Amino acid sequence: EIRDGVASVTGLADVRRLAFRPGGILYFASPSTGTLSAYQRDAVMSTLTGGVLTEGLSGAVDAAAATTGGTHYYVASELGALFVIDAFGEVVQSLSDGFGGIDGIGGAAAVVVTPDEGFVYVYGASDGQIAGFARAGDGTLAPIAGSPFEARFDGDALAVSPDGRFLALACAACDELRTFSIDAVTGALAVTGAATVADVRDVAFADDGRRAIVAGDGRLGVFD
């Protein structure tokens, strides 16, 4: 067990989501400490070694990773920012809502990378929008045409299907699961459906990409 504040460990307070990237690397963001942490999992001993990778990420609530062209982490901040961080923990790009043509990431609550690692999407809860970005070979981002895309306010989580064709938004405040198609060439989003789901707080796609599994109101639900 690794515990925040014990044996000089930091960055574990208020962690909301965990994720793995290839190579057995566990990573996560902490809004209360403004950090991105990464841990290597030992497959034999089932132990974790690592720690804080990057500090100074105020309001960091979620992170996603891509490895094409070198490892990069994409960290969403609820203060309306998106950070691009390399494998060494250096911030190589910082985007802020309302500056430099960036829009739709106000109150950012979630970030995902498509399976082909060509696009990155950030959900801005206070803007009620999803911002789409094209990912360059060096890991940096540029807004795609038509971004941001209208969504719902005060949502909770994003998920992208394994085939990269669909994006889903879980919104507990509005009791709704909303789905979007992803244009394979441009990355543009188009609404494909919405289902009423009480208190839906998280969503994930099944391996076949045809079904979304949601969690909310003390239940799990499956939607085609």
Protein backbone atom coordinates (compact mmCIF):
# COMPACT_ATOMS: atom_id res chain seq x y z
CA GLU A 1 0.00 0.00 0.00
CA ILE A 2 1.19 3.51 -0.88
CA ARG A 3 -0.34 6.27 1.22
CA ASP A 4 -0.22 10.03 0.72
CA GLY A 5 1.89 11.77 3.35
CA VAL A 6 3.66 8.58 4.41
CA ALA A 7 7.36 7.99 3.62
CA SER A 8 7.54 11.26 1.62
CA VAL A 9 4.77 10.14 -0.77
CA THR A 10 2.73 13.00 -2.27
CA GLY A 11 0.28 13.49 -5.14
CA LEU A 12 -2.30 10.92 -4.02
CA ALA A 13 -4.77 13.27 -2.34
CA ASP A 14 -8.16 13.70 -4.04
CA VAL A 15 -7.26 11.46 -7.02
CA ARG A 16 -10.45 10.87 -9.03
CA ARG A 17 -9.38 8.66 -11.94
CA LEU A 18 -6.64 6.14 -12.63
CA ALA A 19 -5.33 5.03 -16.02
CA PHE A 20 -2.66 2.77 -17.48
CA ARG A 21 -0.55 3.36 -20.56
CA PRO A 22 1.49 0.71 -22.42
CA GLY A 23 4.45 -0.60 -20.48
CA GLY A 24 2.48 -1.04 -17.26
CA ILE A 25 2.64 2.63 -16.27
CA LEU A 26 -0.11 3.82 -13.93
CA TYR A 27 -0.73 7.56 -14.05
CA PHE A 28 -3.16 10.05 -12.50
CA ALA A 29 -3.71 13.71 -11.67
CA SER A 30 -4.42 15.28 -8.29
CA PRO A 31 -6.36 18.57 -8.15
CA SER A 32 -5.54 19.28 -4.51
CA THR A 33 -1.77 19.03 -5.09
CA GLY A 34 -1.73 20.14 -8.74
CA THR A 35 0.40 17.19 -9.80
CA LEU A 36 0.71 14.42 -12.36
CA SER A 37 2.09 11.16 -10.97
CA ALA A 38 3.34 8.03 -12.71
CA TYR A 39 4.10 4.61 -11.26
CA GLN A 40 5.69 1.54 -12.82
CA ARG A 41 3.96 -1.74 -12.00
CA ASP A 42 6.15 -4.77 -11.36
CA ALA A 43 4.26 -7.65 -13.03
CA VAL A 44 5.96 -10.27 -10.85
CA MET A 45 5.82 -8.61 -7.45
CA SER A 46 2.65 -6.56 -8.14
CA THR A 47 4.32 -3.55 -6.53
CA LEU A 48 4.41 0.07 -7.67
CA THR A 49 7.41 2.36 -7.85
CA GLY A 50 7.38 5.99 -8.92
CA GLY A 51 5.97 9.27 -7.74
CA VAL A 52 5.14 12.80 -8.81
CA LEU A 53 6.19 13.46 -12.42
CA THR A 54 5.09 17.09 -12.76
CA GLU A 55 4.12 19.79 -10.27
CA GLY A 56 2.45 23.17 -10.72
CA LEU A 57 -0.63 21.87 -12.55
CA SER A 58 -3.25 23.81 -10.60
CA GLY A 59 -6.69 22.19 -10.67
CA ALA A 60 -5.52 19.04 -12.50
CA VAL A 61 -8.48 16.62 -12.48
CA ASP A 62 -7.89 14.09 -15.26
CA ALA A 63 -5.13 12.80 -17.51
CA ALA A 64 -4.78 10.78 -20.71
CA ALA A 65 -1.65 9.49 -22.44
CA ALA A 66 -0.37 8.78 -25.94
CA THR A 67 2.85 7.05 -26.99
CA THR A 68 3.07 7.59 -30.76
CA GLY A 69 6.05 9.83 -31.49
CA GLY A 70 7.13 9.66 -27.85
CA THR A 71 5.10 9.52 -24.66
CA HIS A 72 2.96 12.52 -23.83
CA TYR A 73 0.41 13.11 -21.10
CA TYR A 74 -2.60 15.39 -21.52
CA VAL A 75 -3.77 16.85 -18.22
CA ALA A 76 -7.08 18.69 -17.91
CA SER A 77 -7.45 21.39 -15.26
CA GLU A 78 -10.78 22.48 -13.83
CA LEU A 79 -9.40 26.03 -13.98
CA GLY A 80 -9.85 25.93 -17.76
CA ALA A 81 -6.47 24.69 -18.91
CA LEU A 82 -4.92 21.75 -20.74
CA PHE A 83 -1.28 20.79 -20.24
CA VAL A 84 0.85 18.68 -22.59
CA ILE A 85 3.63 16.94 -20.69
CA ASP A 86 6.44 14.78 -22.04
CA ALA A 87 7.83 11.55 -20.60
CA PHE A 88 10.35 13.52 -18.51
CA GLY A 89 7.65 15.58 -16.82
CA GLU A 90 8.30 18.78 -18.77
CA VAL A 91 5.34 20.91 -19.83
CA VAL A 92 5.77 21.31 -23.59
CA GLN A 93 2.46 23.10 -24.24
CA SER A 94 -0.10 24.89 -22.08
CA LEU A 95 -3.52 25.84 -23.43
CA SER A 96 -5.97 28.14 -21.64
CA ASP A 97 -9.66 28.70 -22.27
CA GLY A 98 -10.30 31.99 -24.03
CA PHE A 99 -6.70 32.53 -25.15
CA GLY A 100 -4.99 31.86 -28.48
CA GLY A 101 -8.12 30.57 -30.16
CA ILE A 102 -8.78 27.97 -27.45
CA ASP A 103 -12.40 27.60 -26.40
CA GLY A 104 -14.64 25.01 -24.75
CA ILE A 105 -12.35 23.85 -21.92
CA GLY A 106 -13.72 26.09 -19.17
CA GLY A 107 -14.08 24.00 -16.02
CA ALA A 108 -12.38 21.07 -17.76
CA ALA A 109 -13.50 17.82 -16.16
CA ALA A 110 -12.28 15.05 -18.46
CA VAL A 111 -9.83 14.33 -21.27
CA VAL A 112 -9.48 11.37 -23.66
CA VAL A 113 -7.20 10.36 -26.52
CA THR A 114 -8.52 8.38 -29.49
CA PRO A 115 -7.10 4.86 -29.95
CA ASP A 116 -5.13 5.91 -33.04
CA GLU A 117 -3.77 8.81 -30.95
CA GLY A 118 -4.71 11.30 -33.66
CA PHE A 119 -7.19 13.34 -31.63
CA VAL A 120 -7.61 14.59 -28.06
CA TYR A 121 -10.95 15.68 -26.60
CA VAL A 122 -11.50 17.77 -23.48
CA TYR A 123 -14.86 18.25 -21.82
CA GLY A 124 -15.44 21.74 -20.41
CA ALA A 125 -18.11 21.31 -17.74
CA SER A 126 -18.74 25.01 -17.15
CA ASP A 127 -18.77 25.73 -20.90
CA GLY A 128 -21.05 22.80 -21.68
CA GLN A 129 -18.82 21.92 -24.63
CA ILE A 130 -16.27 19.39 -25.85
CA ALA A 131 -13.11 20.79 -27.41
CA GLY A 132 -11.39 18.70 -30.06
CA PHE A 133 -7.70 18.85 -30.89
CA ALA A 134 -5.54 17.28 -33.59
CA ARG A 135 -2.38 15.71 -32.20
CA ALA A 136 0.85 16.44 -34.07
CA GLY A 137 3.80 14.08 -34.33
CA ASP A 138 5.58 15.88 -31.51
CA GLY A 139 2.57 15.53 -29.22
CA THR A 140 1.43 19.14 -29.38
CA LEU A 141 -2.19 20.05 -30.07
CA ALA A 142 -4.16 22.33 -32.38
CA PRO A 143 -7.96 22.89 -32.39
CA ILE A 144 -9.85 21.02 -35.10
CA ALA A 145 -12.37 22.70 -37.41
CA GLY A 146 -15.74 23.22 -35.73
CA SER A 147 -14.39 22.93 -32.19
CA PRO A 148 -15.80 23.31 -29.58
CA PHE A 149 -18.84 21.08 -29.95
CA GLU A 150 -22.02 21.60 -27.96
CA ALA A 151 -22.60 19.10 -25.15
CA ARG A 152 -24.18 19.48 -21.68
CA PHE A 153 -23.23 21.57 -18.65
CA ASP A 154 -21.80 20.11 -15.44
CA GLY A 155 -21.04 16.63 -16.78
CA ASP A 156 -18.61 14.18 -15.27
CA ALA A 157 -16.76 11.83 -17.62
CA LEU A 158 -15.79 11.09 -21.22
CA ALA A 159 -15.08 7.78 -22.93
CA VAL A 160 -14.00 6.91 -26.45
CA SER A 161 -14.86 3.60 -28.10
CA PRO A 162 -12.05 1.11 -28.86
CA ASP A 163 -12.54 1.57 -32.62
CA GLY A 164 -12.36 5.36 -32.27
CA ARG A 165 -15.76 5.89 -33.90
CA PHE A 166 -17.73 7.16 -30.91
CA LEU A 167 -17.40 9.42 -27.88
CA ALA A 168 -19.68 9.34 -24.83
CA LEU A 169 -20.37 11.93 -22.14
CA ALA A 170 -21.81 11.02 -18.72
CA CYS A 171 -23.69 13.83 -16.99
CA ALA A 172 -25.03 13.22 -13.47
CA ALA A 173 -26.44 16.72 -13.07
CA CYS A 174 -28.61 16.30 -16.17
CA ASP A 175 -29.25 12.53 -15.78
CA GLU A 176 -28.05 11.89 -19.31
CA LEU A 177 -25.68 9.78 -21.35
CA ARG A 178 -24.93 11.53 -24.63
CA THR A 179 -23.08 9.92 -27.54
CA PHE A 180 -21.25 11.43 -30.49
CA SER A 181 -19.77 10.07 -33.69
CA ILE A 182 -16.15 10.96 -34.48
CA ASP A 183 -15.20 11.78 -38.06
CA ALA A 184 -12.18 9.61 -38.81
CA VAL A 185 -10.56 12.26 -41.00
CA THR A 186 -11.38 15.60 -39.36
CA GLY A 187 -12.17 14.52 -35.77
CA ALA A 188 -15.42 16.50 -35.84
CA LEU A 189 -18.17 15.37 -33.45
CA ALA A 190 -21.85 14.86 -34.23
CA VAL A 191 -24.53 13.90 -31.70
CA THR A 192 -25.85 10.37 -32.32
CA GLY A 193 -28.12 9.93 -29.31
CA ALA A 194 -29.01 10.71 -25.72
CA ALA A 195 -30.42 8.44 -23.03
CA THR A 196 -31.88 9.33 -19.65
CA VAL A 197 -29.79 7.72 -16.91
CA ALA A 198 -30.28 8.81 -13.30
CA ASP A 199 -27.16 10.21 -11.64
CA VAL A 200 -24.83 8.79 -14.31
CA ARG A 201 -21.26 9.59 -13.23
CA ASP A 202 -19.00 7.45 -15.35
CA VAL A 203 -19.00 5.61 -18.67
CA ALA A 204 -16.83 3.07 -20.46
CA PHE A 205 -17.15 1.22 -23.77
CA ALA A 206 -17.15 -2.55 -24.12
CA ASP A 207 -14.32 -4.10 -26.14
CA ASP A 208 -16.54 -4.46 -29.22
CA GLY A 209 -17.22 -0.70 -29.19
CA ARG A 210 -20.94 -1.26 -29.67
CA ARG A 211 -22.06 -0.91 -26.07
CA ALA A 212 -21.53 1.72 -23.40
CA ILE A 213 -21.50 0.71 -19.73
CA VAL A 214 -22.52 3.42 -17.28
CA ALA A 215 -22.41 3.77 -13.50
CA GLY A 216 -24.90 5.86 -11.56
CA ASP A 217 -27.61 5.81 -8.92
CA GLY A 218 -26.12 2.68 -7.38
CA ARG A 219 -26.48 0.72 -10.62
CA LEU A 220 -24.65 -0.32 -13.75
CA GLY A 221 -26.39 -0.02 -17.12
CA VAL A 222 -25.59 -1.21 -20.65
CA PHE A 223 -26.58 0.78 -23.72
CA ASP A 224 -26.23 -0.08 -27.43
